[in-house]
Protein backbone atom coordinates (compact mmCIF):
# COMPACT_ATOMS: atom_id res chain seq x y z
CA ILE A 1 7.51 2.62 10.81
CA THR A 2 9.47 4.20 7.99
CA LEU A 3 8.79 5.36 4.29
CA CYS A 4 9.57 2.72 1.80
CA GLY A 5 11.91 3.99 -1.00
CA LEU A 6 12.85 2.49 -4.35
CA GLY A 7 15.56 0.07 -3.13
CA ASP A 8 13.62 -0.94 -0.21
CA TYR A 9 11.50 -4.08 0.45
CA PRO A 10 8.03 -2.99 2.03
CA ALA A 11 7.09 -5.36 4.97
CA GLY A 12 3.53 -3.98 5.30
CA VAL A 13 1.29 -0.92 4.69
CA ILE A 14 -0.36 1.33 7.16
CA SER A 15 -3.98 0.18 7.49
CA THR A 16 -7.20 1.76 8.12
CA ASN A 17 -8.86 -1.25 9.60
CA PRO A 18 -6.58 -4.17 10.11
CA ALA A 19 -8.30 -7.62 10.85
CA TYR A 20 -5.76 -8.20 13.64
CA LEU A 21 -4.31 -5.48 15.70
CA MET A 22 -0.96 -6.42 17.27
CA ASN A 23 0.89 -4.14 19.77
CA SER A 24 -2.44 -2.18 20.44
CA GLU A 25 -0.91 -0.82 23.72
CA LEU A 26 1.77 1.33 21.93
CA THR A 27 1.36 5.00 22.43
CA ALA A 28 2.39 6.34 19.10
CA GLY A 29 1.76 2.91 17.24
CA LEU A 30 -0.05 2.71 13.87
CA PRO A 31 -1.93 -0.27 12.51
CA VAL A 32 0.00 -2.05 9.73
CA ALA A 33 -1.34 -4.70 7.30
CA LEU A 34 1.00 -7.58 6.49
CA VAL A 35 -1.31 -9.48 4.27
CA GLY A 36 -4.75 -9.49 2.91
CA ARG A 37 -7.17 -6.88 1.26
CA VAL A 38 -6.70 -3.42 2.31
CA PRO A 39 -6.73 0.19 1.06
CA ILE A 40 -3.36 1.33 -0.46
CA ARG A 41 -2.24 4.90 -1.00
CA ILE A 42 -1.66 5.03 -4.71
CA PHE A 43 -0.67 7.95 -6.91
CA GLY A 44 -2.07 7.97 -10.57
CA SER A 45 -4.66 6.10 -12.38
CA VAL A 46 -4.96 2.18 -11.96
CA THR A 47 -7.06 -0.58 -13.26
CA LYS A 48 -8.51 -3.63 -11.64
CA GLY A 49 -5.84 -6.43 -11.84
CA GLN A 50 -2.79 -4.20 -12.32
CA ARG A 51 0.23 -4.45 -9.99
CA VAL A 52 1.30 -1.47 -7.99
CA TYR A 53 4.67 -0.79 -6.80
CA SER A 54 6.33 1.33 -4.00
CA ASP A 55 7.47 4.79 -5.04
CA LEU A 56 9.98 7.61 -3.32
CA MET A 57 6.99 9.04 -1.26
CA GLY A 58 5.83 6.06 0.72
CA ARG A 59 2.90 5.29 -1.56
CA ALA A 60 2.26 3.00 -4.38
CA SER A 61 1.96 3.38 -8.26
CA LYS A 62 1.58 1.45 -11.31
CA ASN A 63 5.12 2.54 -12.55
CA ALA A 64 7.53 -0.54 -11.85
CA ALA A 65 10.19 1.66 -10.26
CA GLY A 66 10.34 0.08 -6.72
CA GLN A 67 9.21 -3.17 -5.21
CA LEU A 68 5.85 -4.91 -5.90
CA VAL A 69 3.35 -3.96 -3.10
CA GLY A 70 0.14 -5.58 -4.30
CA ILE A 71 -2.51 -5.99 -7.13
CA ALA A 72 -5.46 -3.27 -7.66
CA LEU A 73 -8.88 -4.72 -6.99
CA GLU A 74 -10.67 -1.81 -8.43
CA ASP A 75 -10.44 0.72 -11.15
CA ASN A 76 -9.49 4.49 -10.43
CA ALA A 77 -8.99 6.99 -13.27
CA SER A 78 -7.93 9.79 -10.82
CA GLU A 79 -4.40 10.93 -11.50
CA GLY A 80 -3.85 12.14 -7.98
CA GLU A 81 -3.25 10.54 -4.68
CA LYS A 82 -6.23 8.24 -3.27
CA LEU A 83 -6.95 4.96 -1.49
CA VAL A 84 -7.46 1.91 -3.71
CA GLU A 85 -8.39 -1.54 -2.58
CA CYS A 86 -5.60 -4.02 -3.20
CA MET A 87 -4.48 -7.42 -2.48
CA LEU A 88 -1.04 -7.25 -0.75
CA LYS A 89 1.75 -9.27 -2.30
CA LEU A 90 4.59 -8.18 0.03
């Protein structure tokens, strides 16, 4: 697992509660969501239905600088970093 930069295409996101956990026997493995509805680490405000894109810090934002990660399923006016429920569109 590596951070996704602006020129990279994300294959998945770290998940807090994946529906299906593959490679669960890995010692240092992290759960990764490949599809579906999951919380995504987002920097900056976002509105429901807005597209979110990868940024330089391995998170998402509404600024279309990187690759499309997903679509926000909730509003969040906080300008800081937080988890927002999104539908993955990888």
